[in-house]
Amino acid sequence: AGEGAYRAGAERLVGELEALDAEYRTGLAGCAG
């Protein structure tokens, strides 16, 4: 019964984590290797 709430919560969290990943990829771009 809570599927809509759980999927929405996961979608929000995934968006935040993808943004964090993008920060890392940009911030560490000059550190490769």
PDB file of all heavy atoms in Angstrom:
ATOM      1  N   ALA A   1       0.817  -1.213   0.000  1.00  0.00           N
ATOM      2  CA  ALA A   1       0.000   0.000   0.000  1.00  0.00           C
ATOM      3  C   ALA A   1       0.851   1.264   0.000  1.00  0.00           C
ATOM      4  O   ALA A   1       0.381   2.335  -0.398  1.00  0.00           O
ATOM      5  CB  ALA A   1      -0.934  -0.003   1.211  1.00  0.00           C
ATOM      6  N   GLY A   2       2.076   1.143   0.451  1.00  0.00           N
ATOM      7  CA  GLY A   2       2.952   2.313   0.512  1.00  0.00           C
ATOM      8  C   GLY A   2       3.850   2.471  -0.689  1.00  0.00           C
ATOM      9  O   GLY A   2       4.774   3.293  -0.662  1.00  0.00           O
ATOM     10  N   GLU A   3       3.603   1.722  -1.753  1.00  0.00           N
ATOM     11  CA  GLU A   3       4.527   1.728  -2.886  1.00  0.00           C
ATOM     12  C   GLU A   3       4.785   3.129  -3.420  1.00  0.00           C
ATOM     13  O   GLU A   3       5.940   3.504  -3.686  1.00  0.00           O
ATOM     14  CB  GLU A   3       4.018   0.837  -4.016  1.00  0.00           C
ATOM     15  CG  GLU A   3       4.961   0.836  -5.215  1.00  0.00           C
ATOM     16  CD  GLU A   3       4.627  -0.212  -6.255  1.00  0.00           C
ATOM     17  OE1 GLU A   3       3.564  -0.860  -6.135  1.00  0.00           O
ATOM     18  OE2 GLU A   3       5.439  -0.393  -7.185  1.00  0.00           O
ATOM     19  N   GLY A   4       3.750   3.930  -3.582  1.00  0.00           N
ATOM     20  CA  GLY A   4       3.946   5.270  -4.140  1.00  0.00           C
ATOM     21  C   GLY A   4       4.891   6.102  -3.292  1.00  0.00           C
ATOM     22  O   GLY A   4       5.780   6.789  -3.815  1.00  0.00           O
ATOM     23  N   ALA A   5       4.715   6.021  -1.966  1.00  0.00           N
ATOM     24  CA  ALA A   5       5.571   6.794  -1.057  1.00  0.00           C
ATOM     25  C   ALA A   5       7.004   6.287  -1.106  1.00  0.00           C
ATOM     26  O   ALA A   5       7.961   7.079  -1.120  1.00  0.00           O
ATOM     27  CB  ALA A   5       5.034   6.706   0.366  1.00  0.00           C
ATOM     28  N   TYR A   6       7.170   4.969  -1.144  1.00  0.00           N
ATOM     29  CA  TYR A   6       8.526   4.419  -1.152  1.00  0.00           C
ATOM     30  C   TYR A   6       9.248   4.733  -2.459  1.00  0.00           C
ATOM     31  O   TYR A   6      10.439   5.069  -2.459  1.00  0.00           O
ATOM     32  CB  TYR A   6       8.485   2.906  -0.925  1.00  0.00           C
ATOM     33  CG  TYR A   6       7.853   2.498   0.387  1.00  0.00           C
ATOM     34  CD1 TYR A   6       7.016   1.388   0.456  1.00  0.00           C
ATOM     35  CD2 TYR A   6       8.084   3.216   1.558  1.00  0.00           C
ATOM     36  CE1 TYR A   6       6.430   1.006   1.655  1.00  0.00           C
ATOM     37  CE2 TYR A   6       7.505   2.844   2.758  1.00  0.00           C
ATOM     38  CZ  TYR A   6       6.671   1.737   2.803  1.00  0.00           C
ATOM     39  OH  TYR A   6       6.098   1.370   3.989  1.00  0.00           O
ATOM     40  N   ARG A   7       8.554   4.612  -3.569  1.00  0.00           N
ATOM     41  CA  ARG A   7       9.188   4.919  -4.854  1.00  0.00           C
ATOM     42  C   ARG A   7       9.562   6.399  -4.924  1.00  0.00           C
ATOM     43  O   ARG A   7      10.638   6.754  -5.426  1.00  0.00           O
ATOM     44  CB  ARG A   7       8.251   4.571  -6.014  1.00  0.00           C
ATOM     45  CG  ARG A   7       7.839   3.110  -6.099  1.00  0.00           C
ATOM     46  CD  ARG A   7       9.009   2.197  -6.368  1.00  0.00           C
ATOM     47  NE  ARG A   7       8.551   0.806  -6.528  1.00  0.00           N
ATOM     48  CZ  ARG A   7       9.328  -0.251  -6.398  1.00  0.00           C
ATOM     49  NH1 ARG A   7      10.617  -0.109  -6.108  1.00  0.00           N
ATOM     50  NH2 ARG A   7       8.843  -1.468  -6.554  1.00  0.00           N
ATOM     51  N   ALA A   8       8.685   7.265  -4.408  1.00  0.00           N
ATOM     52  CA  ALA A   8       8.985   8.698  -4.426  1.00  0.00           C
ATOM     53  C   ALA A   8      10.177   9.016  -3.530  1.00  0.00           C
ATOM     54  O   ALA A   8      11.044   9.824  -3.889  1.00  0.00           O
ATOM     55  CB  ALA A   8       7.759   9.498  -3.987  1.00  0.00           C
ATOM     56  N   GLY A   9      10.234   8.366  -2.359  1.00  0.00           N
ATOM     57  CA  GLY A   9      11.372   8.575  -1.464  1.00  0.00           C
ATOM     58  C   GLY A   9      12.671   8.127  -2.085  1.00  0.00           C
ATOM     59  O   GLY A   9      13.697   8.814  -1.982  1.00  0.00           O
ATOM     60  N   ALA A  10      12.628   6.971  -2.749  1.00  0.00           N
ATOM     61  CA  ALA A  10      13.840   6.474  -3.408  1.00  0.00           C
ATOM     62  C   ALA A  10      14.250   7.398  -4.541  1.00  0.00           C
ATOM     63  O   ALA A  10      15.445   7.673  -4.734  1.00  0.00           O
ATOM     64  CB  ALA A  10      13.601   5.061  -3.934  1.00  0.00           C
ATOM     65  N   GLU A  11      13.287   7.900  -5.296  1.00  0.00           N
ATOM     66  CA  GLU A  11      13.608   8.789  -6.412  1.00  0.00           C
ATOM     67  C   GLU A  11      14.277  10.070  -5.917  1.00  0.00           C
ATOM     68  O   GLU A  11      15.257  10.541  -6.505  1.00  0.00           O
ATOM     69  CB  GLU A  11      12.339   9.124  -7.189  1.00  0.00           C
ATOM     70  CG  GLU A  11      12.592   9.967  -8.430  1.00  0.00           C
ATOM     71  CD  GLU A  11      11.332  10.227  -9.246  1.00  0.00           C
ATOM     72  OE1 GLU A  11      10.269   9.688  -8.890  1.00  0.00           O
ATOM     73  OE2 GLU A  11      11.427  10.974 -10.244  1.00  0.00           O
ATOM     74  N   ARG A  12      13.755  10.630  -4.822  1.00  0.00           N
ATOM     75  CA  ARG A  12      14.384  11.836  -4.258  1.00  0.00           C
ATOM     76  C   ARG A  12      15.808  11.541  -3.824  1.00  0.00           C
ATOM     77  O   ARG A  12      16.731  12.317  -4.100  1.00  0.00           O
ATOM     78  CB  ARG A  12      13.568  12.346  -3.069  1.00  0.00           C
ATOM     79  CG  ARG A  12      12.266  13.029  -3.423  1.00  0.00           C
ATOM     80  CD  ARG A  12      11.678  13.762  -2.233  1.00  0.00           C
ATOM     81  NE  ARG A  12      11.389  12.857  -1.115  1.00  0.00           N
ATOM     82  CZ  ARG A  12      10.245  12.207  -0.953  1.00  0.00           C
ATOM     83  NH1 ARG A  12       9.281  12.347  -1.847  1.00  0.00           N
ATOM     84  NH2 ARG A  12      10.050  11.429   0.094  1.00  0.00           N
ATOM     85  N   LEU A  13      15.992  10.422  -3.125  1.00  0.00           N
ATOM     86  CA  LEU A  13      17.314  10.081  -2.620  1.00  0.00           C
ATOM     87  C   LEU A  13      18.284   9.801  -3.758  1.00  0.00           C
ATOM     88  O   LEU A  13      19.442  10.243  -3.732  1.00  0.00           O
ATOM     89  CB  LEU A  13      17.221   8.876  -1.691  1.00  0.00           C
ATOM     90  CG  LEU A  13      18.522   8.389  -1.055  1.00  0.00           C
ATOM     91  CD1 LEU A  13      19.253   9.519  -0.342  1.00  0.00           C
ATOM     92  CD2 LEU A  13      18.247   7.235  -0.096  1.00  0.00           C
ATOM     93  N   VAL A  14      17.840   9.083  -4.766  1.00  0.00           N
ATOM     94  CA  VAL A  14      18.695   8.811  -5.921  1.00  0.00           C
ATOM     95  C   VAL A  14      19.125  10.114  -6.577  1.00  0.00           C
ATOM     96  O   VAL A  14      20.295  10.283  -6.971  1.00  0.00           O
ATOM     97  CB  VAL A  14      17.977   7.892  -6.930  1.00  0.00           C
ATOM     98  CG1 VAL A  14      18.735   7.852  -8.256  1.00  0.00           C
ATOM     99  CG2 VAL A  14      17.842   6.486  -6.359  1.00  0.00           C
ATOM    100  N   GLY A  15      18.213  11.070  -6.700  1.00  0.00           N
ATOM    101  CA  GLY A  15      18.566  12.369  -7.274  1.00  0.00           C
ATOM    102  C   GLY A  15      19.649  13.070  -6.473  1.00  0.00           C
ATOM    103  O   GLY A  15      20.591  13.645  -7.046  1.00  0.00           O
ATOM    104  N   GLU A  16      19.544  13.019  -5.144  1.00  0.00           N
ATOM    105  CA  GLU A  16      20.557  13.643  -4.288  1.00  0.00           C
ATOM    106  C   GLU A  16      21.911  12.947  -4.447  1.00  0.00           C
ATOM    107  O   GLU A  16      22.967  13.604  -4.495  1.00  0.00           O
ATOM    108  CB  GLU A  16      20.104  13.581  -2.831  1.00  0.00           C
ATOM    109  CG  GLU A  16      18.877  14.435  -2.519  1.00  0.00           C
ATOM    110  CD  GLU A  16      18.341  14.173  -1.120  1.00  0.00           C
ATOM    111  OE1 GLU A  16      18.979  13.394  -0.377  1.00  0.00           O
ATOM    112  OE2 GLU A  16      17.277  14.738  -0.784  1.00  0.00           O
ATOM    113  N   LEU A  17      21.888  11.626  -4.521  1.00  0.00           N
ATOM    114  CA  LEU A  17      23.138  10.877  -4.649  1.00  0.00           C
ATOM    115  C   LEU A  17      23.768  11.070  -6.024  1.00  0.00           C
ATOM    116  O   LEU A  17      24.990  11.128  -6.149  1.00  0.00           O
ATOM    117  CB  LEU A  17      22.877   9.401  -4.374  1.00  0.00           C
ATOM    118  CG  LEU A  17      22.515   9.083  -2.920  1.00  0.00           C
ATOM    119  CD1 LEU A  17      21.952   7.674  -2.798  1.00  0.00           C
ATOM    120  CD2 LEU A  17      23.712   9.260  -2.001  1.00  0.00           C
ATOM    121  N   GLU A  18      22.942  11.188  -7.046  1.00  0.00           N
ATOM    122  CA  GLU A  18      23.481  11.458  -8.385  1.00  0.00           C
ATOM    123  C   GLU A  18      24.117  12.848  -8.432  1.00  0.00           C
ATOM    124  O   GLU A  18      25.151  13.044  -9.088  1.00  0.00           O
ATOM    125  CB  GLU A  18      22.377  11.328  -9.424  1.00  0.00           C
ATOM    126  CG  GLU A  18      21.969   9.877  -9.684  1.00  0.00           C
ATOM    127  CD  GLU A  18      20.817   9.754 -10.656  1.00  0.00           C
ATOM    128  OE1 GLU A  18      20.132  10.771 -10.913  1.00  0.00           O
ATOM    129  OE2 GLU A  18      20.592   8.633 -11.167  1.00  0.00           O
ATOM    130  N   ALA A  19      23.524  13.808  -7.737  1.00  0.00           N
ATOM    131  CA  ALA A  19      24.120  15.146  -7.668  1.00  0.00           C
ATOM    132  C   ALA A  19      25.453  15.104  -6.931  1.00  0.00           C
ATOM    133  O   ALA A  19      26.433  15.762  -7.329  1.00  0.00           O
ATOM    134  CB  ALA A  19      23.157  16.111  -6.983  1.00  0.00           C
ATOM    135  N   LEU A  20      25.518  14.313  -5.851  1.00  0.00           N
ATOM    136  CA  LEU A  20      26.767  14.164  -5.109  1.00  0.00           C
ATOM    137  C   LEU A  20      27.832  13.507  -5.984  1.00  0.00           C
ATOM    138  O   LEU A  20      28.996  13.940  -6.000  1.00  0.00           O
ATOM    139  CB  LEU A  20      26.515  13.329  -3.858  1.00  0.00           C
ATOM    140  CG  LEU A  20      27.697  13.085  -2.922  1.00  0.00           C
ATOM    141  CD1 LEU A  20      28.250  14.403  -2.383  1.00  0.00           C
ATOM    142  CD2 LEU A  20      27.270  12.174  -1.765  1.00  0.00           C
ATOM    143  N   ASP A  21      27.449  12.504  -6.723  1.00  0.00           N
ATOM    144  CA  ASP A  21      28.375  11.842  -7.653  1.00  0.00           C
ATOM    145  C   ASP A  21      28.902  12.838  -8.686  1.00  0.00           C
ATOM    146  O   ASP A  21      30.103  12.835  -9.007  1.00  0.00           O
ATOM    147  CB  ASP A  21      27.659  10.682  -8.338  1.00  0.00           C
ATOM    148  CG  ASP A  21      28.488  10.050  -9.444  1.00  0.00           C
ATOM    149  OD1 ASP A  21      29.606   9.584  -9.162  1.00  0.00           O
ATOM    150  OD2 ASP A  21      28.010  10.021 -10.597  1.00  0.00           O
ATOM    151  N   ALA A  22      28.030  13.691  -9.199  1.00  0.00           N
ATOM    152  CA  ALA A  22      28.460  14.687 -10.182  1.00  0.00           C
ATOM    153  C   ALA A  22      29.465  15.658  -9.566  1.00  0.00           C
ATOM    154  O   ALA A  22      30.441  16.061 -10.229  1.00  0.00           O
ATOM    155  CB  ALA A  22      27.251  15.447 -10.722  1.00  0.00           C
ATOM    156  N   GLU A  23      29.255  16.036  -8.303  1.00  0.00           N
ATOM    157  CA  GLU A  23      30.212  16.908  -7.621  1.00  0.00           C
ATOM    158  C   GLU A  23      31.579  16.236  -7.528  1.00  0.00           C
ATOM    159  O   GLU A  23      32.624  16.875  -7.735  1.00  0.00           O
ATOM    160  CB  GLU A  23      29.708  17.259  -6.224  1.00  0.00           C
ATOM    161  CG  GLU A  23      28.498  18.186  -6.194  1.00  0.00           C
ATOM    162  CD  GLU A  23      28.051  18.462  -4.776  1.00  0.00           C
ATOM    163  OE1 GLU A  23      28.922  18.595  -3.888  1.00  0.00           O
ATOM    164  OE2 GLU A  23      26.827  18.543  -4.550  1.00  0.00           O
ATOM    165  N   TYR A  24      31.586  14.961  -7.199  1.00  0.00           N
ATOM    166  CA  TYR A  24      32.849  14.226  -7.110  1.00  0.00           C
ATOM    167  C   TYR A  24      33.533  14.131  -8.467  1.00  0.00           C
ATOM    168  O   TYR A  24      34.754  14.320  -8.579  1.00  0.00           O
ATOM    169  CB  TYR A  24      32.597  12.824  -6.549  1.00  0.00           C
ATOM    170  CG  TYR A  24      32.888  12.716  -5.066  1.00  0.00           C
ATOM    171  CD1 TYR A  24      31.994  13.219  -4.134  1.00  0.00           C
ATOM    172  CD2 TYR A  24      34.061  12.133  -4.599  1.00  0.00           C
ATOM    173  CE1 TYR A  24      32.245  13.122  -2.765  1.00  0.00           C
ATOM    174  CE2 TYR A  24      34.330  12.035  -3.251  1.00  0.00           C
ATOM    175  CZ  TYR A  24      33.422  12.535  -2.328  1.00  0.00           C
ATOM    176  OH  TYR A  24      33.702  12.464  -0.985  1.00  0.00           O
ATOM    177  N   ARG A  25      32.766  13.845  -9.499  1.00  0.00           N
ATOM    178  CA  ARG A  25      33.368  13.686 -10.825  1.00  0.00           C
ATOM    179  C   ARG A  25      33.974  15.005 -11.311  1.00  0.00           C
ATOM    180  O   ARG A  25      35.054  15.013 -11.911  1.00  0.00           O
ATOM    181  CB  ARG A  25      32.323  13.157 -11.816  1.00  0.00           C
ATOM    182  CG  ARG A  25      31.910  11.748 -11.504  1.00  0.00           C
ATOM    183  CD  ARG A  25      31.096  11.080 -12.572  1.00  0.00           C
ATOM    184  NE  ARG A  25      30.719   9.744 -12.113  1.00  0.00           N
ATOM    185  CZ  ARG A  25      31.514   8.690 -12.101  1.00  0.00           C
ATOM    186  NH1 ARG A  25      32.759   8.805 -12.566  1.00  0.00           N
ATOM    187  NH2 ARG A  25      31.105   7.517 -11.655  1.00  0.00           N
ATOM    188  N   THR A  26      33.292  16.090 -11.028  1.00  0.00           N
ATOM    189  CA  THR A  26      33.829  17.398 -11.393  1.00  0.00           C
ATOM    190  C   THR A  26      35.025  17.765 -10.516  1.00  0.00           C
ATOM    191  O   THR A  26      36.079  18.183 -11.009  1.00  0.00           O
ATOM    192  CB  THR A  26      32.745  18.475 -11.263  1.00  0.00           C
ATOM    193  OG1 THR A  26      31.671  18.176 -12.152  1.00  0.00           O
ATOM    194  CG2 THR A  26      33.296  19.859 -11.595  1.00  0.00           C
ATOM    195  N   GLY A  27      34.854  17.580  -9.213  1.00  0.00           N
ATOM    196  CA  GLY A  27      35.894  17.995  -8.272  1.00  0.00           C
ATOM    197  C   GLY A  27      37.180  17.211  -8.392  1.00  0.00           C
ATOM    198  O   GLY A  27      38.264  17.741  -8.118  1.00  0.00           O
ATOM    199  N   LEU A  28      37.084  15.935  -8.787  1.00  0.00           N
ATOM    200  CA  LEU A  28      38.275  15.086  -8.862  1.00  0.00           C
ATOM    201  C   LEU A  28      38.735  14.845 -10.291  1.00  0.00           C
ATOM    202  O   LEU A  28      39.605  14.005 -10.536  1.00  0.00           O
ATOM    203  CB  LEU A  28      38.006  13.746  -8.169  1.00  0.00           C
ATOM    204  CG  LEU A  28      37.698  13.813  -6.668  1.00  0.00           C
ATOM    205  CD1 LEU A  28      37.466  12.418  -6.113  1.00  0.00           C
ATOM    206  CD2 LEU A  28      38.808  14.520  -5.891  1.00  0.00           C
ATOM    207  N   ALA A  29      38.172  15.589 -11.221  1.00  0.00           N
ATOM    208  CA  ALA A  29      38.538  15.389 -12.628  1.00  0.00           C
ATOM    209  C   ALA A  29      40.031  15.574 -12.861  1.00  0.00           C
ATOM    210  O   ALA A  29      40.633  14.896 -13.698  1.00  0.00           O
ATOM    211  CB  ALA A  29      37.743  16.341 -13.522  1.00  0.00           C
ATOM    212  N   GLY A  30      40.648  16.491 -12.123  1.00  0.00           N
ATOM    213  CA  GLY A  30      42.076  16.740 -12.296  1.00  0.00           C
ATOM    214  C   GLY A  30      42.960  15.799 -11.509  1.00  0.00           C
ATOM    215  O   GLY A  30      44.186  15.945 -11.518  1.00  0.00           O
ATOM    216  N   CYS A  31      42.360  14.816 -10.827  1.00  0.00           N
ATOM    217  CA  CYS A  31      43.124  13.905  -9.970  1.00  0.00           C
ATOM    218  C   CYS A  31      43.254  12.506 -10.547  1.00  0.00           C
ATOM    219  O   CYS A  31      43.737  11.602  -9.854  1.00  0.00           O
ATOM    220  CB  CYS A  31      42.441  13.790  -8.609  1.00  0.00           C
ATOM    221  SG  CYS A  31      42.345  15.329  -7.701  1.00  0.00           S
ATOM    222  N   ALA A  32      42.795  12.303 -11.753  1.00  0.00           N
ATOM    223  CA  ALA A  32      42.778  10.949 -12.318  1.00  0.00           C
ATOM    224  C   ALA A  32      44.157  10.305 -12.236  1.00  0.00           C
ATOM    225  O   ALA A  32      45.168  10.900 -12.628  1.00  0.00           O
ATOM    226  CB  ALA A  32      42.305  10.999 -13.767  1.00  0.00           C
ATOM    227  N   GLY A  33      44.204   9.098 -11.672  1.00  0.00           N
ATOM    228  CA  GLY A  33      45.452   8.363 -11.543  1.00  0.00           C
ATOM    229  C   GLY A  33      46.241   8.683 -10.295  1.00  0.00           C
ATOM    230  O   GLY A  33      47.287   8.064 -10.055  1.00  0.00           O
TER     231      GLY A  33
END
